[in-house]
Amino acid sequence: QVQLVESGGGLVQPGGSLRLSCAASGSIFSINTMGWYRHAPGKERELVARITSGGNTNYADSVKGRFTISRDNAKNTLYLQMNSLKPEDTAVYYCNAWVRGATSRYLEVWGQGTLVTVSS
């Protein structure tokens, strides 16, 4: 089975920056689209950003111009660079990926989440 592990979350002041990482491990043949989602208290889980295997990206309107999603295909790792952070960015951030491992089909896999807290 394939596993996704997020890291890089923590406490940061408004206006600060964080870089999240998501490492995929296990028997991986290929990874298609990957994305970052977040879930804040009182809100539904929302898509923050996603990136295709070919490098095409899209972002939630609330993070455009502040966040950058990228991936290292050789390392099977996804990144999210977060700049100019705001208190409303506070949430648990989850990595998502469509992965082909032991089967011939892509399966959707989720990480356990990493907490980002933006506060003074």
Protein backbone atom coordinates (compact mmCIF):
# COMPACT_ATOMS: atom_id res chain seq x y z
CA GLN A 1 0.00 0.00 0.00
CA VAL A 2 1.13 3.54 -0.72
CA GLN A 3 1.44 6.06 2.10
CA LEU A 4 1.56 9.86 2.06
CA VAL A 5 3.25 11.69 4.94
CA GLU A 6 2.98 15.46 5.34
CA SER A 7 5.50 17.59 7.20
CA GLY A 8 6.41 21.24 7.67
CA GLY A 9 3.41 22.54 9.56
CA GLY A 10 3.73 24.65 12.67
CA LEU A 11 3.09 28.01 14.28
CA VAL A 12 3.88 31.15 12.31
CA GLN A 13 3.04 34.84 12.71
CA PRO A 14 0.82 36.64 10.22
CA GLY A 15 2.86 37.61 7.19
CA GLY A 16 5.25 34.72 7.68
CA SER A 17 6.02 31.73 5.48
CA LEU A 18 5.97 27.95 5.70
CA ARG A 19 6.87 25.19 3.29
CA LEU A 20 4.89 21.95 3.47
CA SER A 21 6.15 18.65 2.10
CA CYS A 22 4.33 15.44 1.26
CA ALA A 23 6.39 12.32 0.68
CA ALA A 24 4.88 9.27 -0.99
CA SER A 25 6.33 5.90 -0.07
CA GLY A 26 5.69 2.26 -0.83
CA SER A 27 5.57 0.34 -4.06
CA ILE A 28 4.82 3.16 -6.49
CA PHE A 29 4.66 2.76 -10.22
CA SER A 30 3.46 6.27 -11.00
CA ILE A 31 1.66 9.28 -9.53
CA ASN A 32 -0.85 11.36 -11.42
CA THR A 33 -2.48 14.50 -10.03
CA MET A 34 -1.48 15.64 -6.53
CA GLY A 35 -3.06 18.31 -4.40
CA TRP A 36 -3.25 20.09 -1.10
CA TYR A 37 -6.50 20.41 0.81
CA ARG A 38 -7.21 22.09 4.12
CA HIS A 39 -9.85 21.76 6.80
CA ALA A 40 -10.47 24.58 9.25
CA PRO A 41 -12.89 24.48 12.20
CA GLY A 42 -16.42 25.31 11.12
CA LYS A 43 -15.64 24.97 7.43
CA GLU A 44 -15.77 22.19 4.88
CA ARG A 45 -12.57 20.70 3.54
CA GLU A 46 -11.46 22.75 0.56
CA LEU A 47 -9.01 22.38 -2.27
CA VAL A 48 -6.03 24.71 -1.84
CA ALA A 49 -3.97 23.81 -4.90
CA ARG A 50 -3.34 20.93 -7.24
CA ILE A 51 -0.77 19.96 -9.82
CA THR A 52 -0.92 17.41 -12.61
CA SER A 53 1.83 15.02 -13.57
CA GLY A 54 2.63 17.38 -16.43
CA GLY A 55 2.99 20.38 -14.13
CA ASN A 56 -0.30 22.17 -14.73
CA THR A 57 -1.50 23.94 -11.59
CA ASN A 58 -4.56 25.63 -10.18
CA TYR A 59 -5.28 27.38 -6.91
CA ALA A 60 -8.11 28.46 -4.71
CA ASP A 61 -8.86 32.15 -5.16
CA SER A 62 -8.05 32.78 -1.51
CA VAL A 63 -4.41 31.70 -1.92
CA LYS A 64 -3.57 32.89 -5.43
CA GLY A 65 -0.44 34.98 -5.46
CA ARG A 66 0.61 33.74 -2.02
CA PHE A 67 0.95 29.94 -2.32
CA THR A 68 2.93 27.90 -4.83
CA ILE A 69 2.50 24.17 -5.41
CA SER A 70 5.30 22.09 -6.90
CA ARG A 71 6.46 18.50 -7.11
CA ASP A 72 9.65 16.48 -7.41
CA ASN A 73 8.71 13.46 -9.47
CA ALA A 74 12.04 11.70 -8.92
CA LYS A 75 11.49 11.89 -5.15
CA ASN A 76 7.72 11.32 -5.25
CA THR A 77 7.32 14.44 -3.15
CA LEU A 78 4.82 17.31 -3.25
CA TYR A 79 5.44 20.79 -1.85
CA LEU A 80 3.41 23.83 -0.91
CA GLN A 81 5.23 27.11 -0.39
CA MET A 82 3.02 29.42 1.66
CA ASN A 83 3.89 33.11 1.87
CA SER A 84 2.14 36.11 3.41
CA LEU A 85 0.20 33.83 5.71
CA LYS A 86 -3.01 35.07 7.28
CA PRO A 87 -4.90 33.89 10.37
CA GLU A 88 -7.62 32.53 8.10
CA ASP A 89 -5.05 30.14 6.63
CA THR A 90 -5.05 28.27 9.94
CA ALA A 91 -6.13 24.69 9.22
CA VAL A 92 -5.02 21.10 8.99
CA TYR A 93 -3.46 20.67 5.57
CA TYR A 94 -3.82 17.32 3.81
CA CYS A 95 -1.89 15.88 0.90
CA ASN A 96 -3.80 14.00 -1.77
CA ALA A 97 -2.54 11.96 -4.69
CA TRP A 98 -3.71 9.57 -7.35
CA VAL A 99 -1.19 6.73 -7.22
CA ARG A 100 -0.67 3.56 -9.20
CA GLY A 101 1.01 0.99 -7.01
CA ALA A 102 0.37 -2.73 -6.85
CA THR A 103 -2.62 -2.57 -9.19
CA SER A 104 -3.01 -1.37 -12.73
CA ARG A 105 -5.41 1.38 -11.66
CA TYR A 106 -4.84 4.71 -9.97
CA LEU A 107 -6.06 4.91 -6.39
CA GLU A 108 -6.76 8.07 -4.40
CA VAL A 109 -4.55 8.31 -1.32
CA TRP A 110 -4.68 10.83 1.55
CA GLY A 111 -2.08 11.83 4.10
CA GLN A 112 -2.72 12.20 7.81
CA GLY A 113 -2.52 16.00 7.77
CA THR A 114 -0.21 18.63 9.21
CA LEU A 115 -1.41 21.55 11.32
CA VAL A 116 -0.68 25.12 10.26
CA THR A 117 -1.44 27.81 12.84
CA VAL A 118 -1.11 31.48 11.89
CA SER A 119 -1.33 33.62 15.00
CA SER A 120 0.39 36.41 16.91
